[in-house]
Amino acid sequence: MIARLSKKTALRILLLGALLTGFCFMAGAASAEPSLLEIYDILKAKEFVDLTHTFDTEIPHWPGFPKEKRETIYWYDKGVGTMGYGFFAQVFCHVGQWGTHVDAPAHFIKGTRTLDQIDVKEMLLPLVVIDVHEKAAANPDYALTVDDVKEWEKKHGPVPEGAFVAMRTDWSKKWPDAAAMRNADDAGTAHYPGWGMEALKYLYEERKITASGHEPTDTDPGVSTSKGDYSCEAYILSQDKYQIELLANLDKVPEHGAIVVVAFPKPFFGSGFPARVFAILP
């Protein structure tokens, strides 16, 4: 076929073929998926932010729970551990909902998932931070609204499906002062910010997020919990989703673009447990 064409035409065909081959090679190289080790090399160079409070026996907690108790049963030297010496070992006795912690759906809703049933794929998520800290400073009873979410979406686009959405109030800056965290008035009514029901329904039902979290001790505002109203927390857990309470350092992460790792133990039939939560910044 080429023999019947002019040399000029044949040369053009060969050149076109070479170009197409080159384009195909480059397209294939561009679409090649990076290896996990290559992804790790990218991640390890990023900034990591711990979103977890250190816990001990005196931390702020829901008033219906007892304080943590600890016992040193083994210590390096004789005479300290209650059972022996040679190494360091402790017994911790605390409610599952202690410190920065995860609430499994079964915490409120019978028949839903316990901690051991939560898939590990639900522990690595896009992080969305909705910043209402100025509104909470002006009004400690503030409840996050749908408008707050949509304001975020105007700046960053739709909340990603499967995201972890955190409400930033800067309430964690009051830690570990339990009285400041509760912020009760003379009548005993607590005043701290929380989620609004319509915002939660929008996030879980329309945006289909995986989980949410906040800095105060409760999902619902203090004026609600003081009356025994935990309807926002009950709603989240009724969706068979987990939540994280008592987050920290949300002022150190961006509103959009970070990844959150939410790690917690796997106790059989567990309703809650202290969690280790951290963000990887873009």
C-alpha atoms as a PDB file:
ATOM      1  CA  MET A   1       0.000   0.000   0.000  1.00  0.00           C
ATOM      2  CA  ILE A   2       2.752   2.428   0.998  1.00  0.00           C
ATOM      3  CA  ALA A   3       4.665   1.491  -2.173  1.00  0.00           C
ATOM      4  CA  ARG A   4       1.806   2.843  -4.314  1.00  0.00           C
ATOM      5  CA  LEU A   5       1.773   6.190  -2.463  1.00  0.00           C
ATOM      6  CA  SER A   6       4.125   9.045  -3.034  1.00  0.00           C
ATOM      7  CA  LYS A   7       7.073   9.223  -0.704  1.00  0.00           C
ATOM      8  CA  LYS A   8       5.680  12.428   0.786  1.00  0.00           C
ATOM      9  CA  THR A   9       2.289  10.865   1.569  1.00  0.00           C
ATOM     10  CA  ALA A  10       3.873   7.722   2.989  1.00  0.00           C
ATOM     11  CA  LEU A  11       6.076   9.812   5.227  1.00  0.00           C
ATOM     12  CA  ARG A  12       3.059  11.692   6.540  1.00  0.00           C
ATOM     13  CA  ILE A  13       1.267   8.421   7.347  1.00  0.00           C
ATOM     14  CA  LEU A  14       4.287   7.058   9.225  1.00  0.00           C
ATOM     15  CA  LEU A  15       4.668  10.315  11.150  1.00  0.00           C
ATOM     16  CA  LEU A  16       0.970  10.308  12.093  1.00  0.00           C
ATOM     17  CA  GLY A  17       1.235   6.737  13.309  1.00  0.00           C
ATOM     18  CA  ALA A  18       4.221   7.593  15.453  1.00  0.00           C
ATOM     19  CA  LEU A  19       2.416  10.565  16.965  1.00  0.00           C
ATOM     20  CA  LEU A  20      -0.665   8.477  17.750  1.00  0.00           C
ATOM     21  CA  THR A  21       1.494   5.817  19.377  1.00  0.00           C
ATOM     22  CA  GLY A  22       3.178   8.483  21.489  1.00  0.00           C
ATOM     23  CA  PHE A  23      -0.136  10.008  22.533  1.00  0.00           C
ATOM     24  CA  CYS A  24      -1.508   6.602  23.510  1.00  0.00           C
ATOM     25  CA  PHE A  25       1.597   5.886  25.586  1.00  0.00           C
ATOM     26  CA  MET A  26       1.380   9.230  27.384  1.00  0.00           C
ATOM     27  CA  ALA A  27      -2.351   8.800  28.041  1.00  0.00           C
ATOM     28  CA  GLY A  28      -1.733   5.366  29.491  1.00  0.00           C
ATOM     29  CA  ALA A  29       1.044   6.685  31.696  1.00  0.00           C
ATOM     30  CA  ALA A  30      -1.121   9.584  32.868  1.00  0.00           C
ATOM     31  CA  SER A  31      -4.005   7.303  33.786  1.00  0.00           C
ATOM     32  CA  ALA A  32      -1.815   4.792  35.644  1.00  0.00           C
ATOM     33  CA  GLU A  33      -2.883   4.572  39.288  1.00  0.00           C
ATOM     34  CA  PRO A  34      -0.164   5.510  41.807  1.00  0.00           C
ATOM     35  CA  SER A  35       0.951   2.700  44.088  1.00  0.00           C
ATOM     36  CA  LEU A  36       0.081   2.736  47.773  1.00  0.00           C
ATOM     37  CA  LEU A  37       3.725   3.398  48.599  1.00  0.00           C
ATOM     38  CA  GLU A  38       3.705   6.420  46.293  1.00  0.00           C
ATOM     39  CA  ILE A  39       0.568   7.671  48.041  1.00  0.00           C
ATOM     40  CA  TYR A  40       2.264   7.117  51.392  1.00  0.00           C
ATOM     41  CA  ASP A  41       5.266   9.158  50.291  1.00  0.00           C
ATOM     42  CA  ILE A  42       2.871  12.022  49.530  1.00  0.00           C
ATOM     43  CA  LEU A  43       0.976  11.687  52.810  1.00  0.00           C
ATOM     44  CA  LYS A  44       3.999  11.475  55.098  1.00  0.00           C
ATOM     45  CA  ALA A  45       5.170  14.857  53.847  1.00  0.00           C
ATOM     46  CA  LYS A  46       1.868  16.487  54.830  1.00  0.00           C
ATOM     47  CA  GLU A  47       1.006  18.156  58.129  1.00  0.00           C
ATOM     48  CA  PHE A  48      -0.885  15.989  60.638  1.00  0.00           C
ATOM     49  CA  VAL A  49      -3.171  17.572  63.272  1.00  0.00           C
ATOM     50  CA  ASP A  50      -4.337  15.642  66.323  1.00  0.00           C
ATOM     51  CA  LEU A  51      -8.049  16.262  66.937  1.00  0.00           C
ATOM     52  CA  THR A  52      -8.041  14.307  70.211  1.00  0.00           C
ATOM     53  CA  HIS A  53      -7.923  15.454  73.838  1.00  0.00           C
ATOM     54  CA  THR A  54      -5.656  13.660  76.293  1.00  0.00           C
ATOM     55  CA  PHE A  55      -7.873  12.039  78.918  1.00  0.00           C
ATOM     56  CA  ASP A  56      -7.385  11.350  82.600  1.00  0.00           C
ATOM     57  CA  THR A  57      -9.543  10.884  85.695  1.00  0.00           C
ATOM     58  CA  GLU A  58     -10.632  14.541  86.003  1.00  0.00           C
ATOM     59  CA  ILE A  59     -11.738  15.501  82.488  1.00  0.00           C
ATOM     60  CA  PRO A  60     -15.086  17.069  81.534  1.00  0.00           C
ATOM     61  CA  HIS A  61     -17.741  14.442  80.875  1.00  0.00           C
ATOM     62  CA  TRP A  62     -21.476  13.921  80.732  1.00  0.00           C
ATOM     63  CA  PRO A  63     -22.698  14.466  84.323  1.00  0.00           C
ATOM     64  CA  GLY A  64     -24.540  11.146  84.433  1.00  0.00           C
ATOM     65  CA  PHE A  65     -21.290   9.171  84.111  1.00  0.00           C
ATOM     66  CA  PRO A  66     -18.827   8.342  86.921  1.00  0.00           C
ATOM     67  CA  LYS A  67     -15.214   9.475  86.859  1.00  0.00           C
ATOM     68  CA  GLU A  68     -12.499   7.254  85.491  1.00  0.00           C
ATOM     69  CA  LYS A  69     -10.522   5.118  87.923  1.00  0.00           C
ATOM     70  CA  ARG A  70      -6.967   3.888  87.337  1.00  0.00           C
ATOM     71  CA  GLU A  71      -4.766   1.408  89.110  1.00  0.00           C
ATOM     72  CA  THR A  72      -1.081   0.664  88.539  1.00  0.00           C
ATOM     73  CA  ILE A  73      -0.823  -3.081  88.954  1.00  0.00           C
ATOM     74  CA  TYR A  74       2.813  -3.431  87.833  1.00  0.00           C
ATOM     75  CA  TRP A  75       5.661  -0.910  88.138  1.00  0.00           C
ATOM     76  CA  TYR A  76       9.328  -1.025  87.230  1.00  0.00           C
ATOM     77  CA  ASP A  77      10.398  -1.074  90.879  1.00  0.00           C
ATOM     78  CA  LYS A  78       9.091  -2.963  93.899  1.00  0.00           C
ATOM     79  CA  GLY A  79       6.497  -1.466  96.211  1.00  0.00           C
ATOM     80  CA  VAL A  80       4.431   0.525  93.709  1.00  0.00           C
ATOM     81  CA  GLY A  81       2.367  -1.899  91.643  1.00  0.00           C
ATOM     82  CA  THR A  82      -0.457  -3.686  93.440  1.00  0.00           C
ATOM     83  CA  MET A  83       0.376  -6.993  91.732  1.00  0.00           C
ATOM     84  CA  GLY A  84       4.090  -6.896  91.041  1.00  0.00           C
ATOM     85  CA  TYR A  85       7.061  -5.159  89.408  1.00  0.00           C
ATOM     86  CA  GLY A  86       9.457  -5.335  86.474  1.00  0.00           C
ATOM     87  CA  PHE A  87       7.352  -3.435  83.929  1.00  0.00           C
ATOM     88  CA  PHE A  88       4.548  -0.856  83.760  1.00  0.00           C
ATOM     89  CA  ALA A  89       0.898  -1.951  83.434  1.00  0.00           C
ATOM     90  CA  GLN A  90      -2.358  -0.280  84.412  1.00  0.00           C
ATOM     91  CA  VAL A  91      -6.040  -1.076  84.780  1.00  0.00           C
ATOM     92  CA  PHE A  92      -8.383   1.581  83.378  1.00  0.00           C
ATOM     93  CA  CYS A  93     -12.009   1.719  84.488  1.00  0.00           C
ATOM     94  CA  HIS A  94     -14.115   4.253  82.609  1.00  0.00           C
ATOM     95  CA  VAL A  95     -17.371   4.496  80.702  1.00  0.00           C
ATOM     96  CA  GLY A  96     -17.070   3.958  76.955  1.00  0.00           C
ATOM     97  CA  GLN A  97     -18.098   7.560  76.281  1.00  0.00           C
ATOM     98  CA  TRP A  98     -14.948   9.053  77.833  1.00  0.00           C
ATOM     99  CA  GLY A  99     -12.783  11.856  76.506  1.00  0.00           C
ATOM    100  CA  THR A 100     -12.761  12.299  72.753  1.00  0.00           C
ATOM    101  CA  HIS A 101     -14.906   9.285  71.941  1.00  0.00           C
ATOM    102  CA  VAL A 102     -16.990   7.464  69.385  1.00  0.00           C
ATOM    103  CA  ASP A 103     -20.678   6.763  69.868  1.00  0.00           C
ATOM    104  CA  ALA A 104     -21.838   3.681  67.996  1.00  0.00           C
ATOM    105  CA  PRO A 105     -25.422   3.701  66.659  1.00  0.00           C
ATOM    106  CA  ALA A 106     -26.347   1.178  69.356  1.00  0.00           C
ATOM    107  CA  HIS A 107     -25.516   3.773  72.024  1.00  0.00           C
ATOM    108  CA  PHE A 108     -29.079   5.069  71.579  1.00  0.00           C
ATOM    109  CA  ILE A 109     -30.818   2.809  69.083  1.00  0.00           C
ATOM    110  CA  LYS A 110     -31.464  -0.853  69.929  1.00  0.00           C
ATOM    111  CA  GLY A 111     -30.683  -3.247  67.106  1.00  0.00           C
ATOM    112  CA  THR A 112     -28.244  -0.979  65.266  1.00  0.00           C
ATOM    113  CA  ARG A 113     -24.502  -1.434  64.888  1.00  0.00           C
ATOM    114  CA  THR A 114     -22.054  -1.742  67.764  1.00  0.00           C
ATOM    115  CA  LEU A 115     -18.393  -0.707  67.490  1.00  0.00           C
ATOM    116  CA  ASP A 116     -17.201  -4.118  66.335  1.00  0.00           C
ATOM    117  CA  GLN A 117     -19.616  -3.898  63.380  1.00  0.00           C
ATOM    118  CA  ILE A 118     -18.346  -0.591  61.992  1.00  0.00           C
ATOM    119  CA  ASP A 119     -16.316  -1.138  58.822  1.00  0.00           C
ATOM    120  CA  VAL A 120     -12.762   0.191  58.786  1.00  0.00           C
ATOM    121  CA  LYS A 121     -13.527   1.937  55.483  1.00  0.00           C
ATOM    122  CA  GLU A 122     -15.674   4.323  57.546  1.00  0.00           C
ATOM    123  CA  MET A 123     -12.577   5.460  59.437  1.00  0.00           C
ATOM    124  CA  LEU A 124     -10.732   7.224  56.576  1.00  0.00           C
ATOM    125  CA  LEU A 125     -12.869  10.030  55.182  1.00  0.00           C
ATOM    126  CA  PRO A 126     -12.864  13.464  53.540  1.00  0.00           C
ATOM    127  CA  LEU A 127     -13.026  16.101  56.280  1.00  0.00           C
ATOM    128  CA  VAL A 128     -15.520  18.967  56.099  1.00  0.00           C
ATOM    129  CA  VAL A 129     -15.281  21.643  58.796  1.00  0.00           C
ATOM    130  CA  ILE A 130     -18.222  24.013  59.170  1.00  0.00           C
ATOM    131  CA  ASP A 131     -16.972  27.023  61.088  1.00  0.00           C
ATOM    132  CA  VAL A 132     -19.525  28.682  63.374  1.00  0.00           C
ATOM    133  CA  HIS A 133     -17.129  29.657  66.156  1.00  0.00           C
ATOM    134  CA  GLU A 134     -17.937  33.367  65.935  1.00  0.00           C
ATOM    135  CA  LYS A 135     -21.664  32.659  66.137  1.00  0.00           C
ATOM    136  CA  ALA A 136     -21.092  30.382  69.125  1.00  0.00           C
ATOM    137  CA  ALA A 137     -19.012  33.070  70.834  1.00  0.00           C
ATOM    138  CA  ALA A 138     -21.854  35.565  70.375  1.00  0.00           C
ATOM    139  CA  ASN A 139     -24.546  33.051  71.354  1.00  0.00           C
ATOM    140  CA  PRO A 140     -23.474  29.994  73.382  1.00  0.00           C
ATOM    141  CA  ASP A 141     -26.870  28.383  72.669  1.00  0.00           C
ATOM    142  CA  TYR A 142     -26.201  28.462  68.926  1.00  0.00           C
ATOM    143  CA  ALA A 143     -27.423  25.497  66.860  1.00  0.00           C
ATOM    144  CA  LEU A 144     -25.846  24.920  63.443  1.00  0.00           C
ATOM    145  CA  THR A 145     -28.325  25.524  60.608  1.00  0.00           C
ATOM    146  CA  VAL A 146     -28.895  24.407  57.024  1.00  0.00           C
ATOM    147  CA  ASP A 147     -27.898  27.920  55.988  1.00  0.00           C
ATOM    148  CA  ASP A 148     -24.500  27.378  57.623  1.00  0.00           C
ATOM    149  CA  VAL A 149     -24.029  24.241  55.542  1.00  0.00           C
ATOM    150  CA  LYS A 150     -25.144  25.915  52.337  1.00  0.00           C
ATOM    151  CA  GLU A 151     -22.830  28.845  53.023  1.00  0.00           C
ATOM    152  CA  TRP A 152     -19.995  26.315  53.188  1.00  0.00           C
ATOM    153  CA  GLU A 153     -21.189  24.815  49.905  1.00  0.00           C
ATOM    154  CA  LYS A 154     -21.167  28.212  48.202  1.00  0.00           C
ATOM    155  CA  LYS A 155     -17.435  28.405  48.896  1.00  0.00           C
ATOM    156  CA  HIS A 156     -16.393  24.793  48.380  1.00  0.00           C
ATOM    157  CA  GLY A 157     -19.096  23.000  46.396  1.00  0.00           C
ATOM    158  CA  PRO A 158     -21.415  20.227  47.618  1.00  0.00           C
ATOM    159  CA  VAL A 159     -20.448  18.401  50.789  1.00  0.00           C
ATOM    160  CA  PRO A 160     -18.801  15.204  49.475  1.00  0.00           C
ATOM    161  CA  GLU A 161     -20.756  11.988  49.810  1.00  0.00           C
ATOM    162  CA  GLY A 162     -19.217   9.859  52.550  1.00  0.00           C
ATOM    163  CA  ALA A 163     -17.583  12.812  54.303  1.00  0.00           C
ATOM    164  CA  PHE A 164     -16.970  13.349  58.006  1.00  0.00           C
ATOM    165  CA  VAL A 165     -18.515  16.719  58.904  1.00  0.00           C
ATOM    166  CA  ALA A 166     -17.192  18.510  61.974  1.00  0.00           C
ATOM    167  CA  MET A 167     -18.804  21.530  63.597  1.00  0.00           C
ATOM    168  CA  ARG A 168     -16.160  24.033  64.681  1.00  0.00           C
ATOM    169  CA  THR A 169     -17.224  26.128  67.681  1.00  0.00           C
ATOM    170  CA  ASP A 170     -13.825  26.489  69.432  1.00  0.00           C
ATOM    171  CA  TRP A 171     -15.584  25.132  72.536  1.00  0.00           C
ATOM    172  CA  SER A 172     -12.627  22.769  72.952  1.00  0.00           C
ATOM    173  CA  LYS A 173     -10.503  25.759  74.025  1.00  0.00           C
ATOM    174  CA  LYS A 174     -12.348  25.605  77.360  1.00  0.00           C
ATOM    175  CA  TRP A 175     -10.943  22.107  78.001  1.00  0.00           C
ATOM    176  CA  PRO A 176     -10.266  20.791  80.628  1.00  0.00           C
ATOM    177  CA  ASP A 177     -12.410  23.208  82.646  1.00  0.00           C
ATOM    178  CA  ALA A 178     -15.627  21.239  83.170  1.00  0.00           C
ATOM    179  CA  ALA A 179     -17.541  24.231  84.520  1.00  0.00           C
ATOM    180  CA  ALA A 180     -16.575  26.353  81.507  1.00  0.00           C
ATOM    181  CA  MET A 181     -17.496  23.547  79.133  1.00  0.00           C
ATOM    182  CA  ARG A 182     -20.947  23.200  80.726  1.00  0.00           C
ATOM    183  CA  ASN A 183     -21.417  26.966  81.142  1.00  0.00           C
ATOM    184  CA  ALA A 184     -24.431  26.609  83.416  1.00  0.00           C
ATOM    185  CA  ASP A 185     -26.492  29.547  84.621  1.00  0.00           C
ATOM    186  CA  ASP A 186     -27.769  30.071  88.171  1.00  0.00           C
ATOM    187  CA  ALA A 187     -30.766  27.830  87.457  1.00  0.00           C
ATOM    188  CA  GLY A 188     -28.473  24.982  86.377  1.00  0.00           C
ATOM    189  CA  THR A 189     -29.268  25.208  82.654  1.00  0.00           C
ATOM    190  CA  ALA A 190     -26.221  24.499  80.483  1.00  0.00           C
ATOM    191  CA  HIS A 191     -25.310  26.842  77.648  1.00  0.00           C
ATOM    192  CA  TYR A 192     -23.126  25.355  74.925  1.00  0.00           C
ATOM    193  CA  PRO A 193     -23.610  25.099  71.156  1.00  0.00           C
ATOM    194  CA  GLY A 194     -24.818  22.086  69.213  1.00  0.00           C
ATOM    195  CA  TRP A 195     -26.273  20.797  65.989  1.00  0.00           C
ATOM    196  CA  GLY A 196     -29.625  21.785  64.521  1.00  0.00           C
ATOM    197  CA  MET A 197     -31.927  18.990  63.369  1.00  0.00           C
ATOM    198  CA  GLU A 198     -32.577  20.352  59.868  1.00  0.00           C
ATOM    199  CA  ALA A 199     -28.858  20.694  59.198  1.00  0.00           C
ATOM    200  CA  LEU A 200     -28.284  17.081  60.261  1.00  0.00           C
ATOM    201  CA  LYS A 201     -31.112  15.821  58.051  1.00  0.00           C
ATOM    202  CA  TYR A 202     -29.700  17.724  55.089  1.00  0.00           C
ATOM    203  CA  LEU A 203     -26.224  16.283  55.656  1.00  0.00           C
ATOM    204  CA  TYR A 204     -27.212  12.680  56.335  1.00  0.00           C
ATOM    205  CA  GLU A 205     -30.169  12.304  53.971  1.00  0.00           C
ATOM    206  CA  GLU A 206     -29.302  14.576  51.057  1.00  0.00           C
ATOM    207  CA  ARG A 207     -25.507  14.733  51.146  1.00  0.00           C
ATOM    208  CA  LYS A 208     -25.229  11.183  52.536  1.00  0.00           C
ATOM    209  CA  ILE A 209     -22.312  11.804  54.854  1.00  0.00           C
ATOM    210  CA  THR A 210     -20.744   8.936  56.800  1.00  0.00           C
ATOM    211  CA  ALA A 211     -20.281  10.566  60.223  1.00  0.00           C
ATOM    212  CA  SER A 212     -20.146  13.844  62.112  1.00  0.00           C
ATOM    213  CA  GLY A 213     -18.458  15.301  65.160  1.00  0.00           C
ATOM    214  CA  HIS A 214     -18.306  18.291  67.499  1.00  0.00           C
ATOM    215  CA  GLU A 215     -16.340  19.850  70.352  1.00  0.00           C
ATOM    216  CA  PRO A 216     -18.856  20.036  73.248  1.00  0.00           C
ATOM    217  CA  THR A 217     -19.865  17.046  75.365  1.00  0.00           C
ATOM    218  CA  ASP A 218     -23.161  16.626  73.523  1.00  0.00           C
ATOM    219  CA  THR A 219     -24.644  16.708  70.034  1.00  0.00           C
ATOM    220  CA  ASP A 220     -27.584  18.851  71.098  1.00  0.00           C
ATOM    221  CA  PRO A 221     -27.207  22.370  72.521  1.00  0.00           C
ATOM    222  CA  GLY A 222     -26.972  22.651  76.297  1.00  0.00           C
ATOM    223  CA  VAL A 223     -30.380  24.287  76.629  1.00  0.00           C
ATOM    224  CA  SER A 224     -31.854  21.135  75.095  1.00  0.00           C
ATOM    225  CA  THR A 225     -29.848  18.552  77.031  1.00  0.00           C
ATOM    226  CA  SER A 226     -30.664  20.377  80.272  1.00  0.00           C
ATOM    227  CA  LYS A 227     -34.283  19.433  79.582  1.00  0.00           C
ATOM    228  CA  GLY A 228     -33.373  15.838  78.717  1.00  0.00           C
ATOM    229  CA  ASP A 229     -33.723  16.471  74.977  1.00  0.00           C
ATOM    230  CA  TYR A 230     -31.132  14.519  72.976  1.00  0.00           C
ATOM    231  CA  SER A 231     -33.118  14.376  69.758  1.00  0.00           C
ATOM    232  CA  CYS A 232     -30.226  15.390  67.463  1.00  0.00           C
ATOM    233  CA  GLU A 233     -27.955  12.677  68.839  1.00  0.00           C
ATOM    234  CA  ALA A 234     -30.790  10.153  68.593  1.00  0.00           C
ATOM    235  CA  TYR A 235     -31.349  11.177  64.973  1.00  0.00           C
ATOM    236  CA  ILE A 236     -27.709  10.622  63.939  1.00  0.00           C
ATOM    237  CA  LEU A 237     -27.521   7.225  65.612  1.00  0.00           C
ATOM    238  CA  SER A 238     -30.913   6.230  64.186  1.00  0.00           C
ATOM    239  CA  GLN A 239     -29.339   6.566  60.723  1.00  0.00           C
ATOM    240  CA  ASP A 240     -27.020   3.698  61.755  1.00  0.00           C
ATOM    241  CA  LYS A 241     -24.107   6.152  61.681  1.00  0.00           C
ATOM    242  CA  TYR A 242     -21.496   6.880  64.311  1.00  0.00           C
ATOM    243  CA  GLN A 243     -20.450  10.238  65.752  1.00  0.00           C
ATOM    244  CA  ILE A 244     -17.422  11.672  67.561  1.00  0.00           C
ATOM    245  CA  GLU A 245     -17.776  13.913  70.613  1.00  0.00           C
ATOM    246  CA  LEU A 246     -15.253  16.224  72.291  1.00  0.00           C
ATOM    247  CA  LEU A 247     -13.084  16.929  69.262  1.00  0.00           C
ATOM    248  CA  ALA A 248     -10.106  19.288  69.597  1.00  0.00           C
ATOM    249  CA  ASN A 249      -7.994  21.587  67.390  1.00  0.00           C
ATOM    250  CA  LEU A 250     -10.568  22.162  64.658  1.00  0.00           C
ATOM    251  CA  ASP A 251      -9.194  25.703  64.399  1.00  0.00           C
ATOM    252  CA  LYS A 252      -5.964  24.197  63.020  1.00  0.00           C
ATOM    253  CA  VAL A 253      -7.499  22.461  59.996  1.00  0.00           C
ATOM    254  CA  PRO A 254      -8.976  23.914  56.799  1.00  0.00           C
ATOM    255  CA  GLU A 255     -12.688  23.918  56.065  1.00  0.00           C
ATOM    256  CA  HIS A 256     -12.113  21.814  52.948  1.00  0.00           C
ATOM    257  CA  GLY A 257      -9.501  19.511  51.488  1.00  0.00           C
ATOM    258  CA  ALA A 258      -8.203  17.554  54.474  1.00  0.00           C
ATOM    259  CA  ILE A 259      -8.607  13.857  55.256  1.00  0.00           C
ATOM    260  CA  VAL A 260      -9.633  12.587  58.682  1.00  0.00           C
ATOM    261  CA  VAL A 261      -8.634   9.297  60.302  1.00  0.00           C
ATOM    262  CA  VAL A 262     -11.069   8.158  63.000  1.00  0.00           C
ATOM    263  CA  ALA A 263      -9.612   5.202  64.886  1.00  0.00           C
ATOM    264  CA  PHE A 264     -11.055   3.337  67.849  1.00  0.00           C
ATOM    265  CA  PRO A 265     -10.859  -0.147  69.426  1.00  0.00           C
ATOM    266  CA  LYS A 266     -13.109  -3.060  68.534  1.00  0.00           C
ATOM    267  CA  PRO A 267     -14.821  -4.222  71.743  1.00  0.00           C
ATOM    268  CA  PHE A 268     -17.492  -6.840  71.178  1.00  0.00           C
ATOM    269  CA  PHE A 269     -20.963  -5.295  71.498  1.00  0.00           C
ATOM    270  CA  GLY A 270     -19.410  -1.940  72.391  1.00  0.00           C
ATOM    271  CA  SER A 271     -21.582   1.195  72.504  1.00  0.00           C
ATOM    272  CA  GLY A 272     -18.688   3.643  72.680  1.00  0.00           C
ATOM    273  CA  PHE A 273     -14.989   4.038  73.402  1.00  0.00           C
ATOM    274  CA  PRO A 274     -12.249   6.675  73.528  1.00  0.00           C
ATOM    275  CA  ALA A 275     -11.104   7.416  69.985  1.00  0.00           C
ATOM    276  CA  ARG A 276      -7.929   8.747  68.369  1.00  0.00           C
ATOM    277  CA  VAL A 277      -8.857  11.201  65.644  1.00  0.00           C
ATOM    278  CA  PHE A 278      -6.430  13.124  63.435  1.00  0.00           C
ATOM    279  CA  ALA A 279      -6.458  15.118  60.215  1.00  0.00           C
ATOM    280  CA  ILE A 280      -4.035  15.056  57.298  1.00  0.00           C
ATOM    281  CA  LEU A 281      -3.869  18.503  55.763  1.00  0.00           C
ATOM    282  CA  PRO A 282      -3.741  19.167  51.988  1.00  0.00           C
END
